[in-house]
Amino acid sequence: MRSTIWHVELPRNKIALFQWTLGAYDSLVQFRTLDRFKAVVELMIPPGNEEDVAAVIQALREEWQCNIRIVIP
């Protein structure tokens, strides 16, 4: 099966912390920055991890009190 691809827009000052947080979960997602100026990152999510990734993003959205938008290309 293929990975699910999500593009995520978030505050620019949160990119490194976002990557670090997601990286703390072994094999949850692969991450790369698509546009550091527009603060768009790409998540490559292995099959079956979509709900867990969405839950982590929602928790970060609430904790940081900021807009994190998922865009499915």
PDB file of N, CA and C in Angstrom:
ATOM      1  N   MET A   1       0.830  -1.186   0.000  1.00  0.00           N
ATOM      2  CA  MET A   1       0.000   0.000   0.000  1.00  0.00           C
ATOM      3  C   MET A   1       0.876   1.252   0.000  1.00  0.00           C
ATOM      4  N   ARG A   2       0.309   2.316  -0.471  1.00  0.00           N
ATOM      5  CA  ARG A   2       1.027   3.578  -0.558  1.00  0.00           C
ATOM      6  C   ARG A   2       0.753   4.439   0.668  1.00  0.00           C
ATOM      7  N   SER A   3       1.704   5.275   0.960  1.00  0.00           N
ATOM      8  CA  SER A   3       1.541   6.238   2.052  1.00  0.00           C
ATOM      9  C   SER A   3       0.514   7.285   1.666  1.00  0.00           C
ATOM     10  N   THR A   4      -0.167   7.800   2.651  1.00  0.00           N
ATOM     11  CA  THR A   4      -1.078   8.921   2.468  1.00  0.00           C
ATOM     12  C   THR A   4      -0.249  10.199   2.556  1.00  0.00           C
ATOM     13  N   ILE A   5      -0.518  11.143   1.671  1.00  0.00           N
ATOM     14  CA  ILE A   5       0.220  12.408   1.653  1.00  0.00           C
ATOM     15  C   ILE A   5      -0.707  13.523   2.139  1.00  0.00           C
ATOM     16  N   TRP A   6      -0.245  14.250   3.132  1.00  0.00           N
ATOM     17  CA  TRP A   6      -0.944  15.447   3.607  1.00  0.00           C
ATOM     18  C   TRP A   6       0.022  16.610   3.532  1.00  0.00           C
ATOM     19  N   HIS A   7      -0.477  17.759   3.142  1.00  0.00           N
ATOM     20  CA  HIS A   7       0.276  19.003   3.254  1.00  0.00           C
ATOM     21  C   HIS A   7      -0.307  19.744   4.447  1.00  0.00           C
ATOM     22  N   VAL A   8       0.549  20.279   5.269  1.00  0.00           N
ATOM     23  CA  VAL A   8       0.116  20.938   6.498  1.00  0.00           C
ATOM     24  C   VAL A   8       0.672  22.357   6.516  1.00  0.00           C
ATOM     25  N   GLU A   9      -0.211  23.313   6.760  1.00  0.00           N
ATOM     26  CA  GLU A   9       0.182  24.706   6.912  1.00  0.00           C
ATOM     27  C   GLU A   9       0.143  25.028   8.400  1.00  0.00           C
ATOM     28  N   LEU A  10       1.202  25.632   8.898  1.00  0.00           N
ATOM     29  CA  LEU A  10       1.277  25.956  10.310  1.00  0.00           C
ATOM     30  C   LEU A  10       2.079  27.226  10.491  1.00  0.00           C
ATOM     31  N   PRO A  11       2.079  27.808  11.696  1.00  0.00           N
ATOM     32  CA  PRO A  11       2.891  29.006  11.913  1.00  0.00           C
ATOM     33  C   PRO A  11       4.366  28.707  11.644  1.00  0.00           C
ATOM     34  N   ARG A  12       5.001  29.623  10.998  1.00  0.00           N
ATOM     35  CA  ARG A  12       6.392  29.433  10.577  1.00  0.00           C
ATOM     36  C   ARG A  12       7.329  29.123  11.740  1.00  0.00           C
ATOM     37  N   ASN A  13       7.084  29.740  12.871  1.00  0.00           N
ATOM     38  CA  ASN A  13       7.955  29.531  14.025  1.00  0.00           C
ATOM     39  C   ASN A  13       7.731  28.178  14.704  1.00  0.00           C
ATOM     40  N   LYS A  14       6.795  27.395  14.203  1.00  0.00           N
ATOM     41  CA  LYS A  14       6.492  26.087  14.794  1.00  0.00           C
ATOM     42  C   LYS A  14       6.992  24.915  13.950  1.00  0.00           C
ATOM     43  N   ILE A  15       7.592  25.167  12.791  1.00  0.00           N
ATOM     44  CA  ILE A  15       7.991  24.076  11.901  1.00  0.00           C
ATOM     45  C   ILE A  15       8.946  23.104  12.588  1.00  0.00           C
ATOM     46  N   ALA A  16      10.003  23.595  13.195  1.00  0.00           N
ATOM     47  CA  ALA A  16      10.992  22.704  13.822  1.00  0.00           C
ATOM     48  C   ALA A  16      10.378  21.925  14.983  1.00  0.00           C
ATOM     49  N   LEU A  17       9.592  22.598  15.811  1.00  0.00           N
ATOM     50  CA  LEU A  17       8.951  21.928  16.933  1.00  0.00           C
ATOM     51  C   LEU A  17       7.951  20.881  16.443  1.00  0.00           C
ATOM     52  N   PHE A  18       7.227  21.196  15.379  1.00  0.00           N
ATOM     53  CA  PHE A  18       6.277  20.257  14.775  1.00  0.00           C
ATOM     54  C   PHE A  18       7.020  19.005  14.309  1.00  0.00           C
ATOM     55  N   GLN A  19       8.131  19.199  13.621  1.00  0.00           N
ATOM     56  CA  GLN A  19       8.920  18.067  13.139  1.00  0.00           C
ATOM     57  C   GLN A  19       9.468  17.254  14.313  1.00  0.00           C
ATOM     58  N   TRP A  20       9.967  17.920  15.309  1.00  0.00           N
ATOM     59  CA  TRP A  20      10.519  17.233  16.474  1.00  0.00           C
ATOM     60  C   TRP A  20       9.441  16.422  17.185  1.00  0.00           C
ATOM     61  N   THR A  21       8.258  17.008  17.336  1.00  0.00           N
ATOM     62  CA  THR A  21       7.158  16.328  18.023  1.00  0.00           C
ATOM     63  C   THR A  21       6.722  15.091  17.262  1.00  0.00           C
ATOM     64  N   LEU A  22       6.508  15.219  15.961  1.00  0.00           N
ATOM     65  CA  LEU A  22       6.094  14.056  15.170  1.00  0.00           C
ATOM     66  C   LEU A  22       7.196  13.002  15.101  1.00  0.00           C
ATOM     67  N   GLY A  23       8.447  13.448  15.090  1.00  0.00           N
ATOM     68  CA  GLY A  23       9.573  12.522  15.048  1.00  0.00           C
ATOM     69  C   GLY A  23       9.716  11.707  16.321  1.00  0.00           C
ATOM     70  N   ALA A  24       9.140  12.192  17.412  1.00  0.00           N
ATOM     71  CA  ALA A  24       9.213  11.476  18.683  1.00  0.00           C
ATOM     72  C   ALA A  24       8.391  10.181  18.655  1.00  0.00           C
ATOM     73  N   TYR A  25       7.456  10.103  17.732  1.00  0.00           N
ATOM     74  CA  TYR A  25       6.639   8.896  17.573  1.00  0.00           C
ATOM     75  C   TYR A  25       7.287   8.035  16.495  1.00  0.00           C
ATOM     76  N   ASP A  26       7.907   6.948  16.889  1.00  0.00           N
ATOM     77  CA  ASP A  26       8.611   6.080  15.939  1.00  0.00           C
ATOM     78  C   ASP A  26       7.691   5.592  14.825  1.00  0.00           C
ATOM     79  N   SER A  27       8.118   5.798  13.602  1.00  0.00           N
ATOM     80  CA  SER A  27       7.442   5.296  12.400  1.00  0.00           C
ATOM     81  C   SER A  27       6.022   5.810  12.213  1.00  0.00           C
ATOM     82  N   LEU A  28       5.662   6.905  12.876  1.00  0.00           N
ATOM     83  CA  LEU A  28       4.314   7.438  12.713  1.00  0.00           C
ATOM     84  C   LEU A  28       4.175   8.146  11.372  1.00  0.00           C
ATOM     85  N   VAL A  29       5.207   8.903  10.988  1.00  0.00           N
ATOM     86  CA  VAL A  29       5.109   9.721   9.783  1.00  0.00           C
ATOM     87  C   VAL A  29       6.510  10.118   9.322  1.00  0.00           C
ATOM     88  N   GLN A  30       6.647  10.347   8.020  1.00  0.00           N
ATOM     89  CA  GLN A  30       7.851  10.975   7.489  1.00  0.00           C
ATOM     90  C   GLN A  30       7.486  12.410   7.156  1.00  0.00           C
ATOM     91  N   PHE A  31       8.440  13.294   7.229  1.00  0.00           N
ATOM     92  CA  PHE A  31       8.180  14.716   7.200  1.00  0.00           C
ATOM     93  C   PHE A  31       9.186  15.410   6.303  1.00  0.00           C
ATOM     94  N   ARG A  32       8.735  16.412   5.552  1.00  0.00           N
ATOM     95  CA  ARG A  32       9.680  17.289   4.854  1.00  0.00           C
ATOM     96  C   ARG A  32       9.030  18.651   4.668  1.00  0.00           C
ATOM     97  N   THR A  33       9.860  19.655   4.660  1.00  0.00           N
ATOM     98  CA  THR A  33       9.374  21.017   4.476  1.00  0.00           C
ATOM     99  C   THR A  33       9.285  21.301   2.986  1.00  0.00           C
ATOM    100  N   LEU A  34       8.102  21.694   2.533  1.00  0.00           N
ATOM    101  CA  LEU A  34       7.916  22.034   1.118  1.00  0.00           C
ATOM    102  C   LEU A  34       8.239  23.500   0.862  1.00  0.00           C
ATOM    103  N   ASP A  35       7.810  24.371   1.761  1.00  0.00           N
ATOM    104  CA  ASP A  35       8.035  25.806   1.596  1.00  0.00           C
ATOM    105  C   ASP A  35       8.218  26.430   2.973  1.00  0.00           C
ATOM    106  N   ARG A  36       9.450  26.764   3.310  1.00  0.00           N
ATOM    107  CA  ARG A  36       9.709  27.289   4.648  1.00  0.00           C
ATOM    108  C   ARG A  36       9.201  28.710   4.812  1.00  0.00           C
ATOM    109  N   PHE A  37       9.006  29.424   3.739  1.00  0.00           N
ATOM    110  CA  PHE A  37       8.503  30.794   3.842  1.00  0.00           C
ATOM    111  C   PHE A  37       6.994  30.827   4.033  1.00  0.00           C
ATOM    112  N   LYS A  38       6.284  29.937   3.370  1.00  0.00           N
ATOM    113  CA  LYS A  38       4.831  29.836   3.539  1.00  0.00           C
ATOM    114  C   LYS A  38       4.465  28.869   4.657  1.00  0.00           C
ATOM    115  N   ALA A  39       5.464  28.194   5.216  1.00  0.00           N
ATOM    116  CA  ALA A  39       5.295  27.235   6.318  1.00  0.00           C
ATOM    117  C   ALA A  39       4.368  26.092   5.916  1.00  0.00           C
ATOM    118  N   VAL A  40       4.742  25.432   4.828  1.00  0.00           N
ATOM    119  CA  VAL A  40       3.999  24.265   4.354  1.00  0.00           C
ATOM    120  C   VAL A  40       4.924  23.052   4.435  1.00  0.00           C
ATOM    121  N   VAL A  41       4.447  22.020   5.108  1.00  0.00           N
ATOM    122  CA  VAL A  41       5.210  20.784   5.235  1.00  0.00           C
ATOM    123  C   VAL A  41       4.411  19.637   4.635  1.00  0.00           C
ATOM    124  N   GLU A  42       5.128  18.618   4.234  1.00  0.00           N
ATOM    125  CA  GLU A  42       4.480  17.430   3.666  1.00  0.00           C
ATOM    126  C   GLU A  42       4.662  16.274   4.640  1.00  0.00           C
ATOM    127  N   LEU A  43       3.580  15.591   4.926  1.00  0.00           N
ATOM    128  CA  LEU A  43       3.616  14.406   5.763  1.00  0.00           C
ATOM    129  C   LEU A  43       3.346  13.202   4.891  1.00  0.00           C
ATOM    130  N   MET A  44       4.187  12.195   5.000  1.00  0.00           N
ATOM    131  CA  MET A  44       3.987  10.922   4.309  1.00  0.00           C
ATOM    132  C   MET A  44       3.630   9.915   5.393  1.00  0.00           C
ATOM    133  N   ILE A  45       2.373   9.504   5.394  1.00  0.00           N
ATOM    134  CA  ILE A  45       1.818   8.721   6.494  1.00  0.00           C
ATOM    135  C   ILE A  45       1.625   7.277   6.056  1.00  0.00           C
ATOM    136  N   PRO A  46       2.273   6.330   6.736  1.00  0.00           N
ATOM    137  CA  PRO A  46       2.081   4.920   6.394  1.00  0.00           C
ATOM    138  C   PRO A  46       0.617   4.511   6.603  1.00  0.00           C
ATOM    139  N   PRO A  47       0.144   3.546   5.825  1.00  0.00           N
ATOM    140  CA  PRO A  47      -1.245   3.094   5.959  1.00  0.00           C
ATOM    141  C   PRO A  47      -1.568   2.714   7.403  1.00  0.00           C
ATOM    142  N   GLY A  48      -2.720   3.174   7.868  1.00  0.00           N
ATOM    143  CA  GLY A  48      -3.176   2.861   9.208  1.00  0.00           C
ATOM    144  C   GLY A  48      -2.800   3.883  10.265  1.00  0.00           C
ATOM    145  N   ASN A  49      -1.940   4.840   9.926  1.00  0.00           N
ATOM    146  CA  ASN A  49      -1.504   5.838  10.911  1.00  0.00           C
ATOM    147  C   ASN A  49      -2.248   7.168  10.800  1.00  0.00           C
ATOM    148  N   GLU A  50      -3.169   7.288   9.861  1.00  0.00           N
ATOM    149  CA  GLU A  50      -3.835   8.565   9.608  1.00  0.00           C
ATOM    150  C   GLU A  50      -4.561   9.109  10.845  1.00  0.00           C
ATOM    151  N   GLU A  51      -5.292   8.257  11.543  1.00  0.00           N
ATOM    152  CA  GLU A  51      -6.033   8.711  12.718  1.00  0.00           C
ATOM    153  C   GLU A  51      -5.101   9.177  13.828  1.00  0.00           C
ATOM    154  N   ASP A  52      -3.999   8.469  14.023  1.00  0.00           N
ATOM    155  CA  ASP A  52      -3.033   8.853  15.054  1.00  0.00           C
ATOM    156  C   ASP A  52      -2.386  10.197  14.718  1.00  0.00           C
ATOM    157  N   VAL A  53      -2.028  10.398  13.461  1.00  0.00           N
ATOM    158  CA  VAL A  53      -1.423  11.670  13.041  1.00  0.00           C
ATOM    159  C   VAL A  53      -2.428  12.804  13.233  1.00  0.00           C
ATOM    160  N   ALA A  54      -3.671  12.583  12.836  1.00  0.00           N
ATOM    161  CA  ALA A  54      -4.707  13.609  13.008  1.00  0.00           C
ATOM    162  C   ALA A  54      -4.888  13.948  14.487  1.00  0.00           C
ATOM    163  N   ALA A  55      -4.818  12.952  15.362  1.00  0.00           N
ATOM    164  CA  ALA A  55      -4.956  13.190  16.802  1.00  0.00           C
ATOM    165  C   ALA A  55      -3.795  14.017  17.343  1.00  0.00           C
ATOM    166  N   VAL A  56      -2.585  13.735  16.902  1.00  0.00           N
ATOM    167  CA  VAL A  56      -1.416  14.504  17.344  1.00  0.00           C
ATOM    168  C   VAL A  56      -1.539  15.943  16.857  1.00  0.00           C
ATOM    169  N   ILE A  57      -1.933  16.134  15.605  1.00  0.00           N
ATOM    170  CA  ILE A  57      -2.084  17.482  15.061  1.00  0.00           C
ATOM    171  C   ILE A  57      -3.155  18.253  15.836  1.00  0.00           C
ATOM    172  N   GLN A  58      -4.258  17.606  16.148  1.00  0.00           N
ATOM    173  CA  GLN A  58      -5.324  18.270  16.917  1.00  0.00           C
ATOM    174  C   GLN A  58      -4.822  18.666  18.311  1.00  0.00           C
ATOM    175  N   ALA A  59      -4.066  17.798  18.951  1.00  0.00           N
ATOM    176  CA  ALA A  59      -3.518  18.111  20.274  1.00  0.00           C
ATOM    177  C   ALA A  59      -2.564  19.304  20.200  1.00  0.00           C
ATOM    178  N   LEU A  60      -1.729  19.343  19.156  1.00  0.00           N
ATOM    179  CA  LEU A  60      -0.805  20.470  18.987  1.00  0.00           C
ATOM    180  C   LEU A  60      -1.560  21.768  18.711  1.00  0.00           C
ATOM    181  N   ARG A  61      -2.594  21.668  17.911  1.00  0.00           N
ATOM    182  CA  ARG A  61      -3.434  22.835  17.589  1.00  0.00           C
ATOM    183  C   ARG A  61      -3.990  23.441  18.887  1.00  0.00           C
ATOM    184  N   GLU A  62      -4.467  22.569  19.769  1.00  0.00           N
ATOM    185  CA  GLU A  62      -5.042  23.039  21.033  1.00  0.00           C
ATOM    186  C   GLU A  62      -3.963  23.554  21.989  1.00  0.00           C
ATOM    187  N   GLU A  63      -2.858  22.829  22.098  1.00  0.00           N
ATOM    188  CA  GLU A  63      -1.797  23.226  23.016  1.00  0.00           C
ATOM    189  C   GLU A  63      -1.153  24.545  22.601  1.00  0.00           C
ATOM    190  N   TRP A  64      -0.877  24.696  21.318  1.00  0.00           N
ATOM    191  CA  TRP A  64      -0.222  25.894  20.824  1.00  0.00           C
ATOM    192  C   TRP A  64      -1.202  27.034  20.564  1.00  0.00           C
ATOM    193  N   GLN A  65      -2.484  26.745  20.588  1.00  0.00           N
ATOM    194  CA  GLN A  65      -3.538  27.707  20.296  1.00  0.00           C
ATOM    195  C   GLN A  65      -3.260  28.458  18.994  1.00  0.00           C
ATOM    196  N   CYS A  66      -3.082  27.662  17.946  1.00  0.00           N
ATOM    197  CA  CYS A  66      -2.796  28.240  16.633  1.00  0.00           C
ATOM    198  C   CYS A  66      -3.499  27.422  15.564  1.00  0.00           C
ATOM    199  N   ASN A  67      -3.504  27.958  14.375  1.00  0.00           N
ATOM    200  CA  ASN A  67      -4.129  27.276  13.252  1.00  0.00           C
ATOM    201  C   ASN A  67      -3.116  26.348  12.597  1.00  0.00           C
ATOM    202  N   ILE A  68      -3.449  25.084  12.541  1.00  0.00           N
ATOM    203  CA  ILE A  68      -2.683  24.105  11.781  1.00  0.00           C
ATOM    204  C   ILE A  68      -3.676  23.489  10.809  1.00  0.00           C
ATOM    205  N   ARG A  69      -3.453  23.697   9.535  1.00  0.00           N
ATOM    206  CA  ARG A  69      -4.425  23.287   8.521  1.00  0.00           C
ATOM    207  C   ARG A  69      -3.876  22.128   7.694  1.00  0.00           C
ATOM    208  N   ILE A  70      -4.683  21.072   7.598  1.00  0.00           N
ATOM    209  CA  ILE A  70      -4.326  19.918   6.781  1.00  0.00           C
ATOM    210  C   ILE A  70      -4.924  20.102   5.389  1.00  0.00           C
ATOM    211  N   VAL A  71      -4.086  19.973   4.375  1.00  0.00           N
ATOM    212  CA  VAL A  71      -4.540  20.069   2.990  1.00  0.00           C
ATOM    213  C   VAL A  71      -4.150  18.751   2.333  1.00  0.00           C
ATOM    214  N   ILE A  72      -5.121  18.022   1.826  1.00  0.00           N
ATOM    215  CA  ILE A  72      -4.829  16.749   1.171  1.00  0.00           C
ATOM    216  C   ILE A  72      -4.713  17.025  -0.320  1.00  0.00           C
ATOM    217  N   PRO A  73      -3.495  16.846  -0.869  1.00  0.00           N
ATOM    218  CA  PRO A  73      -3.274  17.191  -2.282  1.00  0.00           C
ATOM    219  C   PRO A  73      -4.024  16.284  -3.243  1.00  0.00           C
TER     220      PRO A  73
END
